[in-house]
Amino acid sequence: MVLWEPDTIHVMKKIIQLIEEGTMAWYSIDTGPSVFINTYRANTETIVEVFLKMGFENVLVSDIGEEPFPTNQHLF
């Protein structure tokens, strides 16, 4: 079973192009078609704009979690 779509490869190639142009970004992919783009906060707006201009409508932005802390609470 192959879950990658043509857009999956398109996103990966665009990130490679952005890297070659000097934007610090990396892609990561799980088993499905979704590509996760990791970058510095300063590059987020630029990367979002690039993919919106490419016609992607579903560009989600998230941040890292909170500061780590010890807990005895069960997390799941």
PDB file of N, CA and C in Angstrom:
ATOM      1  N   MET A   1       0.846  -1.173   0.000  1.00  0.00           N
ATOM      2  CA  MET A   1       0.000   0.000   0.000  1.00  0.00           C
ATOM      3  C   MET A   1       0.894   1.240   0.000  1.00  0.00           C
ATOM      4  N   VAL A   2       0.650   2.133  -0.915  1.00  0.00           N
ATOM      5  CA  VAL A   2       1.387   3.391  -0.989  1.00  0.00           C
ATOM      6  C   VAL A   2       0.409   4.517  -0.691  1.00  0.00           C
ATOM      7  N   LEU A   3       0.689   5.268   0.340  1.00  0.00           N
ATOM      8  CA  LEU A   3      -0.217   6.340   0.745  1.00  0.00           C
ATOM      9  C   LEU A   3       0.240   7.713   0.285  1.00  0.00           C
ATOM     10  N   TRP A   4       1.444   7.808  -0.233  1.00  0.00           N
ATOM     11  CA  TRP A   4       1.912   9.102  -0.726  1.00  0.00           C
ATOM     12  C   TRP A   4       1.122   9.472  -1.963  1.00  0.00           C
ATOM     13  N   GLU A   5       0.848  10.752  -2.098  1.00  0.00           N
ATOM     14  CA  GLU A   5       0.160  11.312  -3.252  1.00  0.00           C
ATOM     15  C   GLU A   5       1.154  12.160  -4.033  1.00  0.00           C
ATOM     16  N   PRO A   6       0.833  12.553  -5.269  1.00  0.00           N
ATOM     17  CA  PRO A   6       1.731  13.443  -6.005  1.00  0.00           C
ATOM     18  C   PRO A   6       2.058  14.723  -5.231  1.00  0.00           C
ATOM     19  N   ASP A   7       1.087  15.262  -4.507  1.00  0.00           N
ATOM     20  CA  ASP A   7       1.349  16.472  -3.715  1.00  0.00           C
ATOM     21  C   ASP A   7       2.346  16.217  -2.587  1.00  0.00           C
ATOM     22  N   THR A   8       2.400  14.986  -2.091  1.00  0.00           N
ATOM     23  CA  THR A   8       3.368  14.641  -1.051  1.00  0.00           C
ATOM     24  C   THR A   8       4.784  14.880  -1.570  1.00  0.00           C
ATOM     25  N   ILE A   9       5.061  14.381  -2.744  1.00  0.00           N
ATOM     26  CA  ILE A   9       6.378  14.559  -3.364  1.00  0.00           C
ATOM     27  C   ILE A   9       6.600  16.026  -3.716  1.00  0.00           C
ATOM     28  N   HIS A  10       5.557  16.693  -4.184  1.00  0.00           N
ATOM     29  CA  HIS A  10       5.660  18.106  -4.555  1.00  0.00           C
ATOM     30  C   HIS A  10       6.092  18.956  -3.354  1.00  0.00           C
ATOM     31  N   VAL A  11       5.502  18.686  -2.190  1.00  0.00           N
ATOM     32  CA  VAL A  11       5.859  19.420  -0.970  1.00  0.00           C
ATOM     33  C   VAL A  11       7.314  19.139  -0.603  1.00  0.00           C
ATOM     34  N   MET A  12       7.715  17.885  -0.652  1.00  0.00           N
ATOM     35  CA  MET A  12       9.084  17.532  -0.304  1.00  0.00           C
ATOM     36  C   MET A  12      10.085  18.226  -1.232  1.00  0.00           C
ATOM     37  N   LYS A  13       9.791  18.250  -2.519  1.00  0.00           N
ATOM     38  CA  LYS A  13      10.685  18.899  -3.471  1.00  0.00           C
ATOM     39  C   LYS A  13      10.733  20.415  -3.256  1.00  0.00           C
ATOM     40  N   LYS A  14       9.608  21.008  -2.870  1.00  0.00           N
ATOM     41  CA  LYS A  14       9.590  22.446  -2.606  1.00  0.00           C
ATOM     42  C   LYS A  14      10.448  22.768  -1.387  1.00  0.00           C
ATOM     43  N   ILE A  15      10.389  21.936  -0.356  1.00  0.00           N
ATOM     44  CA  ILE A  15      11.232  22.159   0.820  1.00  0.00           C
ATOM     45  C   ILE A  15      12.704  22.051   0.438  1.00  0.00           C
ATOM     46  N   ILE A  16      13.049  21.081  -0.380  1.00  0.00           N
ATOM     47  CA  ILE A  16      14.441  20.955  -0.841  1.00  0.00           C
ATOM     48  C   ILE A  16      14.856  22.222  -1.581  1.00  0.00           C
ATOM     49  N   GLN A  17      13.978  22.740  -2.420  1.00  0.00           N
ATOM     50  CA  GLN A  17      14.274  23.989  -3.136  1.00  0.00           C
ATOM     51  C   GLN A  17      14.466  25.149  -2.166  1.00  0.00           C
ATOM     52  N   LEU A  18      13.599  25.261  -1.169  1.00  0.00           N
ATOM     53  CA  LEU A  18      13.728  26.336  -0.177  1.00  0.00           C
ATOM     54  C   LEU A  18      15.050  26.227   0.577  1.00  0.00           C
ATOM     55  N   ILE A  19      15.454  25.004   0.902  1.00  0.00           N
ATOM     56  CA  ILE A  19      16.735  24.791   1.580  1.00  0.00           C
ATOM     57  C   ILE A  19      17.875  25.276   0.691  1.00  0.00           C
ATOM     58  N   GLU A  20      17.822  24.904  -0.572  1.00  0.00           N
ATOM     59  CA  GLU A  20      18.870  25.321  -1.510  1.00  0.00           C
ATOM     60  C   GLU A  20      18.922  26.841  -1.667  1.00  0.00           C
ATOM     61  N   GLU A  21      17.784  27.506  -1.449  1.00  0.00           N
ATOM     62  CA  GLU A  21      17.721  28.967  -1.534  1.00  0.00           C
ATOM     63  C   GLU A  21      18.075  29.641  -0.206  1.00  0.00           C
ATOM     64  N   GLY A  22      18.352  28.846   0.820  1.00  0.00           N
ATOM     65  CA  GLY A  22      18.808  29.407   2.083  1.00  0.00           C
ATOM     66  C   GLY A  22      17.815  29.415   3.224  1.00  0.00           C
ATOM     67  N   THR A  23      16.616  28.893   3.027  1.00  0.00           N
ATOM     68  CA  THR A  23      15.638  28.827   4.113  1.00  0.00           C
ATOM     69  C   THR A  23      15.898  27.576   4.937  1.00  0.00           C
ATOM     70  N   MET A  24      16.051  27.755   6.227  1.00  0.00           N
ATOM     71  CA  MET A  24      16.280  26.621   7.115  1.00  0.00           C
ATOM     72  C   MET A  24      14.946  25.919   7.376  1.00  0.00           C
ATOM     73  N   ALA A  25      14.784  24.749   6.777  1.00  0.00           N
ATOM     74  CA  ALA A  25      13.554  23.973   6.939  1.00  0.00           C
ATOM     75  C   ALA A  25      13.877  22.515   6.676  1.00  0.00           C
ATOM     76  N   TRP A  26      13.080  21.634   7.219  1.00  0.00           N
ATOM     77  CA  TRP A  26      13.253  20.201   7.043  1.00  0.00           C
ATOM     78  C   TRP A  26      11.879  19.584   6.925  1.00  0.00           C
ATOM     79  N   TYR A  27      11.753  18.530   6.187  1.00  0.00           N
ATOM     80  CA  TYR A  27      10.467  17.844   6.139  1.00  0.00           C
ATOM     81  C   TYR A  27      10.578  16.502   6.843  1.00  0.00           C
ATOM     82  N   SER A  28       9.460  16.061   7.330  1.00  0.00           N
ATOM     83  CA  SER A  28       9.357  14.773   7.988  1.00  0.00           C
ATOM     84  C   SER A  28       8.040  14.163   7.530  1.00  0.00           C
ATOM     85  N   ILE A  29       8.016  12.857   7.393  1.00  0.00           N
ATOM     86  CA  ILE A  29       6.802  12.211   6.907  1.00  0.00           C
ATOM     87  C   ILE A  29       6.601  10.893   7.635  1.00  0.00           C
ATOM     88  N   ASP A  30       5.352  10.620   7.956  1.00  0.00           N
ATOM     89  CA  ASP A  30       4.990   9.354   8.583  1.00  0.00           C
ATOM     90  C   ASP A  30       4.588   8.386   7.480  1.00  0.00           C
ATOM     91  N   THR A  31       3.718   7.482   7.770  1.00  0.00           N
ATOM     92  CA  THR A  31       3.315   6.495   6.772  1.00  0.00           C
ATOM     93  C   THR A  31       2.274   7.032   5.800  1.00  0.00           C
ATOM     94  N   GLY A  32       1.600   8.109   6.157  1.00  0.00           N
ATOM     95  CA  GLY A  32       0.546   8.643   5.303  1.00  0.00           C
ATOM     96  C   GLY A  32       1.042   9.716   4.360  1.00  0.00           C
ATOM     97  N   PRO A  33       0.115  10.445   3.732  1.00  0.00           N
ATOM     98  CA  PRO A  33       0.487  11.442   2.741  1.00  0.00           C
ATOM     99  C   PRO A  33       0.889  12.797   3.330  1.00  0.00           C
ATOM    100  N   SER A  34       0.679  13.005   4.617  1.00  0.00           N
ATOM    101  CA  SER A  34       0.936  14.315   5.221  1.00  0.00           C
ATOM    102  C   SER A  34       2.419  14.551   5.444  1.00  0.00           C
ATOM    103  N   VAL A  35       2.873  15.731   5.056  1.00  0.00           N
ATOM    104  CA  VAL A  35       4.268  16.109   5.247  1.00  0.00           C
ATOM    105  C   VAL A  35       4.333  17.132   6.375  1.00  0.00           C
ATOM    106  N   PHE A  36       5.212  16.909   7.317  1.00  0.00           N
ATOM    107  CA  PHE A  36       5.429  17.840   8.407  1.00  0.00           C
ATOM    108  C   PHE A  36       6.665  18.661   8.074  1.00  0.00           C
ATOM    109  N   ILE A  37       6.529  19.967   8.158  1.00  0.00           N
ATOM    110  CA  ILE A  37       7.641  20.851   7.856  1.00  0.00           C
ATOM    111  C   ILE A  37       8.123  21.465   9.156  1.00  0.00           C
ATOM    112  N   ASN A  38       9.377  21.263   9.457  1.00  0.00           N
ATOM    113  CA  ASN A  38       9.981  21.807  10.662  1.00  0.00           C
ATOM    114  C   ASN A  38      10.875  22.973  10.269  1.00  0.00           C
ATOM    115  N   THR A  39      10.758  24.060  11.023  1.00  0.00           N
ATOM    116  CA  THR A  39      11.563  25.235  10.729  1.00  0.00           C
ATOM    117  C   THR A  39      11.647  26.094  11.971  1.00  0.00           C
ATOM    118  N   TYR A  40      12.361  27.182  11.865  1.00  0.00           N
ATOM    119  CA  TYR A  40      12.413  28.166  12.943  1.00  0.00           C
ATOM    120  C   TYR A  40      11.204  29.088  12.838  1.00  0.00           C
ATOM    121  N   ARG A  41      10.772  29.626  13.970  1.00  0.00           N
ATOM    122  CA  ARG A  41       9.613  30.524  13.978  1.00  0.00           C
ATOM    123  C   ARG A  41       9.744  31.653  12.963  1.00  0.00           C
ATOM    124  N   ALA A  42      10.936  32.163  12.797  1.00  0.00           N
ATOM    125  CA  ALA A  42      11.154  33.286  11.890  1.00  0.00           C
ATOM    126  C   ALA A  42      10.822  32.933  10.437  1.00  0.00           C
ATOM    127  N   ASN A  43      10.834  31.643  10.091  1.00  0.00           N
ATOM    128  CA  ASN A  43      10.563  31.222   8.720  1.00  0.00           C
ATOM    129  C   ASN A  43       9.121  30.784   8.479  1.00  0.00           C
ATOM    130  N   THR A  44       8.334  30.690   9.530  1.00  0.00           N
ATOM    131  CA  THR A  44       6.994  30.130   9.419  1.00  0.00           C
ATOM    132  C   THR A  44       6.131  30.881   8.412  1.00  0.00           C
ATOM    133  N   GLU A  45       6.068  32.183   8.532  1.00  0.00           N
ATOM    134  CA  GLU A  45       5.207  32.971   7.639  1.00  0.00           C
ATOM    135  C   GLU A  45       5.612  32.799   6.180  1.00  0.00           C
ATOM    136  N   THR A  46       6.900  32.818   5.909  1.00  0.00           N
ATOM    137  CA  THR A  46       7.388  32.646   4.541  1.00  0.00           C
ATOM    138  C   THR A  46       6.980  31.297   3.981  1.00  0.00           C
ATOM    139  N   ILE A  47       7.156  30.252   4.763  1.00  0.00           N
ATOM    140  CA  ILE A  47       6.829  28.905   4.298  1.00  0.00           C
ATOM    141  C   ILE A  47       5.329  28.756   4.077  1.00  0.00           C
ATOM    142  N   VAL A  48       4.520  29.290   4.973  1.00  0.00           N
ATOM    143  CA  VAL A  48       3.066  29.237   4.793  1.00  0.00           C
ATOM    144  C   VAL A  48       2.675  29.945   3.506  1.00  0.00           C
ATOM    145  N   GLU A  49       3.225  31.116   3.271  1.00  0.00           N
ATOM    146  CA  GLU A  49       2.919  31.867   2.049  1.00  0.00           C
ATOM    147  C   GLU A  49       3.286  31.070   0.800  1.00  0.00           C
ATOM    148  N   VAL A  50       4.433  30.423   0.805  1.00  0.00           N
ATOM    149  CA  VAL A  50       4.875  29.629  -0.339  1.00  0.00           C
ATOM    150  C   VAL A  50       3.840  28.556  -0.671  1.00  0.00           C
ATOM    151  N   PHE A  51       3.375  27.837   0.339  1.00  0.00           N
ATOM    152  CA  PHE A  51       2.452  26.735   0.082  1.00  0.00           C
ATOM    153  C   PHE A  51       1.040  27.219  -0.222  1.00  0.00           C
ATOM    154  N   LEU A  52       0.639  28.347   0.319  1.00  0.00           N
ATOM    155  CA  LEU A  52      -0.661  28.915  -0.058  1.00  0.00           C
ATOM    156  C   LEU A  52      -0.626  29.351  -1.519  1.00  0.00           C
ATOM    157  N   LYS A  53       0.470  29.964  -1.946  1.00  0.00           N
ATOM    158  CA  LYS A  53       0.620  30.371  -3.353  1.00  0.00           C
ATOM    159  C   LYS A  53       0.647  29.171  -4.290  1.00  0.00           C
ATOM    160  N   MET A  54       1.098  28.032  -3.783  1.00  0.00           N
ATOM    161  CA  MET A  54       1.132  26.813  -4.590  1.00  0.00           C
ATOM    162  C   MET A  54      -0.256  26.184  -4.710  1.00  0.00           C
ATOM    163  N   GLY A  55      -1.227  26.721  -3.969  1.00  0.00           N
ATOM    164  CA  GLY A  55      -2.588  26.208  -4.056  1.00  0.00           C
ATOM    165  C   GLY A  55      -3.016  25.307  -2.921  1.00  0.00           C
ATOM    166  N   PHE A  56      -2.145  25.110  -1.945  1.00  0.00           N
ATOM    167  CA  PHE A  56      -2.527  24.305  -0.785  1.00  0.00           C
ATOM    168  C   PHE A  56      -3.411  25.146   0.122  1.00  0.00           C
ATOM    169  N   GLU A  57      -4.569  24.627   0.445  1.00  0.00           N
ATOM    170  CA  GLU A  57      -5.513  25.363   1.281  1.00  0.00           C
ATOM    171  C   GLU A  57      -5.426  24.954   2.744  1.00  0.00           C
ATOM    172  N   ASN A  58      -4.891  23.796   3.010  1.00  0.00           N
ATOM    173  CA  ASN A  58      -4.886  23.249   4.359  1.00  0.00           C
ATOM    174  C   ASN A  58      -3.468  23.264   4.921  1.00  0.00           C
ATOM    175  N   VAL A  59      -2.969  24.449   5.240  1.00  0.00           N
ATOM    176  CA  VAL A  59      -1.638  24.594   5.828  1.00  0.00           C
ATOM    177  C   VAL A  59      -1.836  24.853   7.319  1.00  0.00           C
ATOM    178  N   LEU A  60      -1.473  23.897   8.127  1.00  0.00           N
ATOM    179  CA  LEU A  60      -1.642  24.016   9.574  1.00  0.00           C
ATOM    180  C   LEU A  60      -0.320  24.375  10.214  1.00  0.00           C
ATOM    181  N   VAL A  61      -0.364  25.288  11.165  1.00  0.00           N
ATOM    182  CA  VAL A  61       0.839  25.715  11.876  1.00  0.00           C
ATOM    183  C   VAL A  61       0.675  25.351  13.342  1.00  0.00           C
ATOM    184  N   SER A  62       1.683  24.720  13.879  1.00  0.00           N
ATOM    185  CA  SER A  62       1.675  24.409  15.304  1.00  0.00           C
ATOM    186  C   SER A  62       3.025  24.781  15.883  1.00  0.00           C
ATOM    187  N   ASP A  63       3.075  24.817  17.176  1.00  0.00           N
ATOM    188  CA  ASP A  63       4.292  25.191  17.879  1.00  0.00           C
ATOM    189  C   ASP A  63       4.716  24.008  18.742  1.00  0.00           C
ATOM    190  N   ILE A  64       5.886  24.098  19.282  1.00  0.00           N
ATOM    191  CA  ILE A  64       6.329  23.057  20.195  1.00  0.00           C
ATOM    192  C   ILE A  64       5.489  23.130  21.467  1.00  0.00           C
ATOM    193  N   GLY A  65       5.534  22.091  22.235  1.00  0.00           N
ATOM    194  CA  GLY A  65       4.759  22.042  23.467  1.00  0.00           C
ATOM    195  C   GLY A  65       5.319  22.946  24.543  1.00  0.00           C
ATOM    196  N   GLU A  66       4.721  22.832  25.700  1.00  0.00           N
ATOM    197  CA  GLU A  66       5.152  23.636  26.843  1.00  0.00           C
ATOM    198  C   GLU A  66       6.499  23.135  27.349  1.00  0.00           C
ATOM    199  N   GLU A  67       7.040  23.860  28.292  1.00  0.00           N
ATOM    200  CA  GLU A  67       8.287  23.440  28.928  1.00  0.00           C
ATOM    201  C   GLU A  67       8.067  22.079  29.590  1.00  0.00           C
ATOM    202  N   PRO A  68       9.045  21.195  29.547  1.00  0.00           N
ATOM    203  CA  PRO A  68       8.894  19.906  30.208  1.00  0.00           C
ATOM    204  C   PRO A  68       8.832  20.072  31.728  1.00  0.00           C
ATOM    205  N   PHE A  69       8.100  19.182  32.369  1.00  0.00           N
ATOM    206  CA  PHE A  69       7.985  19.219  33.827  1.00  0.00           C
ATOM    207  C   PHE A  69       7.738  17.804  34.341  1.00  0.00           C
ATOM    208  N   PRO A  70       8.236  17.492  35.517  1.00  0.00           N
ATOM    209  CA  PRO A  70       8.002  16.159  36.092  1.00  0.00           C
ATOM    210  C   PRO A  70       6.562  16.055  36.584  1.00  0.00           C
ATOM    211  N   THR A  71       5.982  14.881  36.459  1.00  0.00           N
ATOM    212  CA  THR A  71       4.622  14.665  36.942  1.00  0.00           C
ATOM    213  C   THR A  71       4.428  13.209  37.314  1.00  0.00           C
ATOM    214  N   ASN A  72       3.545  12.977  38.248  1.00  0.00           N
ATOM    215  CA  ASN A  72       3.140  11.614  38.598  1.00  0.00           C
ATOM    216  C   ASN A  72       1.796  11.276  37.989  1.00  0.00           C
ATOM    217  N   GLN A  73       1.206  12.225  37.281  1.00  0.00           N
ATOM    218  CA  GLN A  73      -0.103  12.029  36.643  1.00  0.00           C
ATOM    219  C   GLN A  73       0.056  11.120  35.424  1.00  0.00           C
ATOM    220  N   HIS A  74      -0.864  10.174  35.293  1.00  0.00           N
ATOM    221  CA  HIS A  74      -0.856   9.293  34.129  1.00  0.00           C
ATOM    222  C   HIS A  74      -1.242  10.129  32.906  1.00  0.00           C
ATOM    223  N   LEU A  75      -0.476  10.053  31.826  1.00  0.00           N
ATOM    224  CA  LEU A  75      -0.673  10.925  30.672  1.00  0.00           C
ATOM    225  C   LEU A  75      -1.573  10.323  29.597  1.00  0.00           C
ATOM    226  N   PHE A  76      -1.956   9.061  29.714  1.00  0.00           N
ATOM    227  CA  PHE A  76      -2.773   8.447  28.670  1.00  0.00           C
ATOM    228  C   PHE A  76      -4.030   7.864  29.237  1.00  0.00           C
TER     229      PHE A  76
END
